[in-house]
Amino acid sequence: MESNRSYTYTSPTWGQCELRQGNFVAANPFRQFELDRVIDEWFAKADLSAEVEPLMGKYLDVIEDSQAKEPEPITDPRLPDLNYWSAVDLAVSEALYVELRARGFGQGSVTNSSSQVHCEGEQW
């Protein structure tokens, strides 16, 4: 993963975390360089917190509502951190894809991407 394509946040119990995103693949290989440039510019210049934080609540709500419907309660002590990580990942992805659409990369223009997280106090 590329460290310049990262978003730092504070997890409920794991402390400071860094979400890295990478491996973006353009559906049209002739646009790969342009795709990489747009993504790099966005991570370098955007106010990521201003774009990501407003999206967090809706993702946390969906995740937690879904888990509340499970017949047996989830007892994993990491659950708040795992849920927050998932919500951050989804929110960063949504904000980035809004930018990509604005820059000419519509639905289906990106065929692959991945992410990873590292937190100072994570417990696996």
Protein backbone atom coordinates (compact mmCIF):
# COMPACT_ATOMS: atom_id res chain seq x y z
CA MET A 1 0.00 0.00 0.00
CA GLU A 2 1.12 3.50 -0.68
CA SER A 3 1.63 5.63 2.42
CA ASN A 4 0.81 8.84 0.55
CA ARG A 5 -2.68 7.47 -0.06
CA SER A 6 -3.67 7.33 3.58
CA TYR A 7 -6.18 8.72 6.04
CA THR A 8 -5.44 8.98 9.75
CA TYR A 9 -8.21 8.65 12.32
CA THR A 10 -8.72 7.81 15.99
CA SER A 11 -10.31 4.44 16.69
CA PRO A 12 -12.53 3.90 19.77
CA THR A 13 -9.93 1.83 21.69
CA TRP A 14 -7.05 1.20 19.28
CA GLY A 15 -5.92 4.83 19.29
CA GLN A 16 -4.48 6.47 16.21
CA CYS A 17 -4.94 4.47 13.01
CA GLU A 18 -3.79 4.87 9.45
CA LEU A 19 -5.96 3.55 6.62
CA ARG A 20 -3.95 3.07 3.44
CA GLN A 21 -5.58 2.62 0.07
CA GLY A 22 -3.98 1.37 -3.11
CA ASN A 23 -3.92 -1.10 -5.97
CA PHE A 24 -6.36 0.99 -7.99
CA VAL A 25 -6.70 -0.50 -11.47
CA ALA A 26 -8.22 1.46 -14.35
CA ALA A 27 -10.63 -0.50 -16.53
CA ASN A 28 -8.94 1.15 -19.49
CA PRO A 29 -5.20 0.53 -19.07
CA PHE A 30 -4.44 3.60 -21.17
CA ARG A 31 -5.96 5.73 -18.39
CA GLN A 32 -3.98 4.16 -15.51
CA PHE A 33 -1.49 7.04 -15.29
CA GLU A 34 -4.32 9.59 -15.26
CA LEU A 35 -6.20 7.60 -12.59
CA ASP A 36 -3.11 7.44 -10.38
CA ARG A 37 -2.53 11.17 -10.80
CA VAL A 38 -6.12 12.03 -9.81
CA ILE A 39 -5.97 9.77 -6.75
CA ASP A 40 -2.57 11.10 -5.66
CA GLU A 41 -3.76 14.71 -6.05
CA TRP A 42 -6.90 14.03 -4.04
CA PHE A 43 -5.03 12.46 -1.14
CA ALA A 44 -2.44 15.27 -1.21
CA LYS A 45 -4.77 18.26 -1.53
CA ALA A 46 -8.24 17.39 -0.25
CA ASP A 47 -9.38 18.16 3.27
CA LEU A 48 -10.00 14.50 3.92
CA SER A 49 -11.52 14.98 7.36
CA ALA A 50 -14.04 17.47 5.98
CA GLU A 51 -15.02 15.04 3.24
CA VAL A 52 -14.94 11.79 5.22
CA GLU A 53 -16.32 12.65 8.66
CA PRO A 54 -19.81 13.70 7.46
CA LEU A 55 -20.20 10.26 5.85
CA MET A 56 -19.17 8.25 8.90
CA GLY A 57 -22.48 8.28 10.74
CA LYS A 58 -24.50 6.66 7.98
CA TYR A 59 -22.02 3.83 7.61
CA LEU A 60 -21.77 3.19 11.35
CA ASP A 61 -25.57 3.17 11.56
CA VAL A 62 -25.90 0.58 8.79
CA ILE A 63 -23.18 -1.64 10.28
CA GLU A 64 -24.53 -1.45 13.84
CA ASP A 65 -28.18 -1.85 12.78
CA SER A 66 -27.27 -4.95 10.81
CA GLN A 67 -25.42 -6.42 13.78
CA ALA A 68 -28.32 -5.63 16.13
CA LYS A 69 -30.53 -7.90 14.02
CA GLU A 70 -28.29 -10.91 14.53
CA PRO A 71 -30.03 -13.67 16.55
CA GLU A 72 -27.08 -13.90 18.93
CA PRO A 73 -25.17 -10.86 20.14
CA ILE A 74 -21.67 -10.35 18.80
CA THR A 75 -19.32 -10.50 21.77
CA ASP A 76 -16.01 -9.72 20.07
CA PRO A 77 -14.36 -7.02 22.22
CA ARG A 78 -12.82 -5.52 19.08
CA LEU A 79 -16.24 -4.83 17.59
CA PRO A 80 -16.31 -1.03 18.13
CA ASP A 81 -12.90 -0.71 16.45
CA LEU A 82 -13.76 -3.10 13.62
CA ASN A 83 -17.02 -1.24 12.96
CA TYR A 84 -15.28 2.12 13.00
CA TRP A 85 -12.56 0.86 10.66
CA SER A 86 -15.20 -0.44 8.24
CA ALA A 87 -17.08 2.87 8.37
CA VAL A 88 -13.88 4.85 7.76
CA ASP A 89 -12.94 2.62 4.83
CA LEU A 90 -16.39 3.02 3.25
CA ALA A 91 -16.47 6.78 3.84
CA VAL A 92 -12.99 7.34 2.36
CA SER A 93 -13.93 5.21 -0.64
CA GLU A 94 -17.17 7.12 -1.20
CA ALA A 95 -15.45 10.51 -0.97
CA LEU A 96 -12.71 9.38 -3.35
CA TYR A 97 -15.18 7.97 -5.87
CA VAL A 98 -17.12 11.26 -5.83
CA GLU A 99 -13.85 12.95 -6.86
CA LEU A 100 -13.12 10.31 -9.48
CA ARG A 101 -16.56 10.76 -11.05
CA ALA A 102 -16.04 14.53 -11.11
CA ARG A 103 -12.74 13.95 -12.92
CA GLY A 104 -14.16 11.68 -15.63
CA PHE A 105 -13.87 8.26 -14.01
CA GLY A 106 -17.47 7.07 -13.90
CA GLN A 107 -18.96 3.82 -12.73
CA GLY A 108 -16.90 0.87 -13.91
CA SER A 109 -13.79 2.97 -14.60
CA VAL A 110 -11.93 1.41 -11.67
CA THR A 111 -11.91 -2.37 -11.54
CA ASN A 112 -9.93 -3.00 -8.36
CA SER A 113 -8.66 -1.38 -5.19
CA SER A 114 -7.69 -2.50 -1.72
CA SER A 115 -6.96 -1.07 1.69
CA GLN A 116 -5.26 -1.94 4.93
CA VAL A 117 -5.23 -0.41 8.38
CA HIS A 118 -2.62 -0.15 11.09
CA CYS A 119 -3.44 1.12 14.57
CA GLU A 120 -1.09 1.75 17.46
CA GLY A 121 -3.18 -0.33 19.87
CA GLU A 122 -4.82 -2.89 17.62
CA GLN A 123 -5.44 -6.33 19.03
CA TRP A 124 -5.72 -9.17 16.53
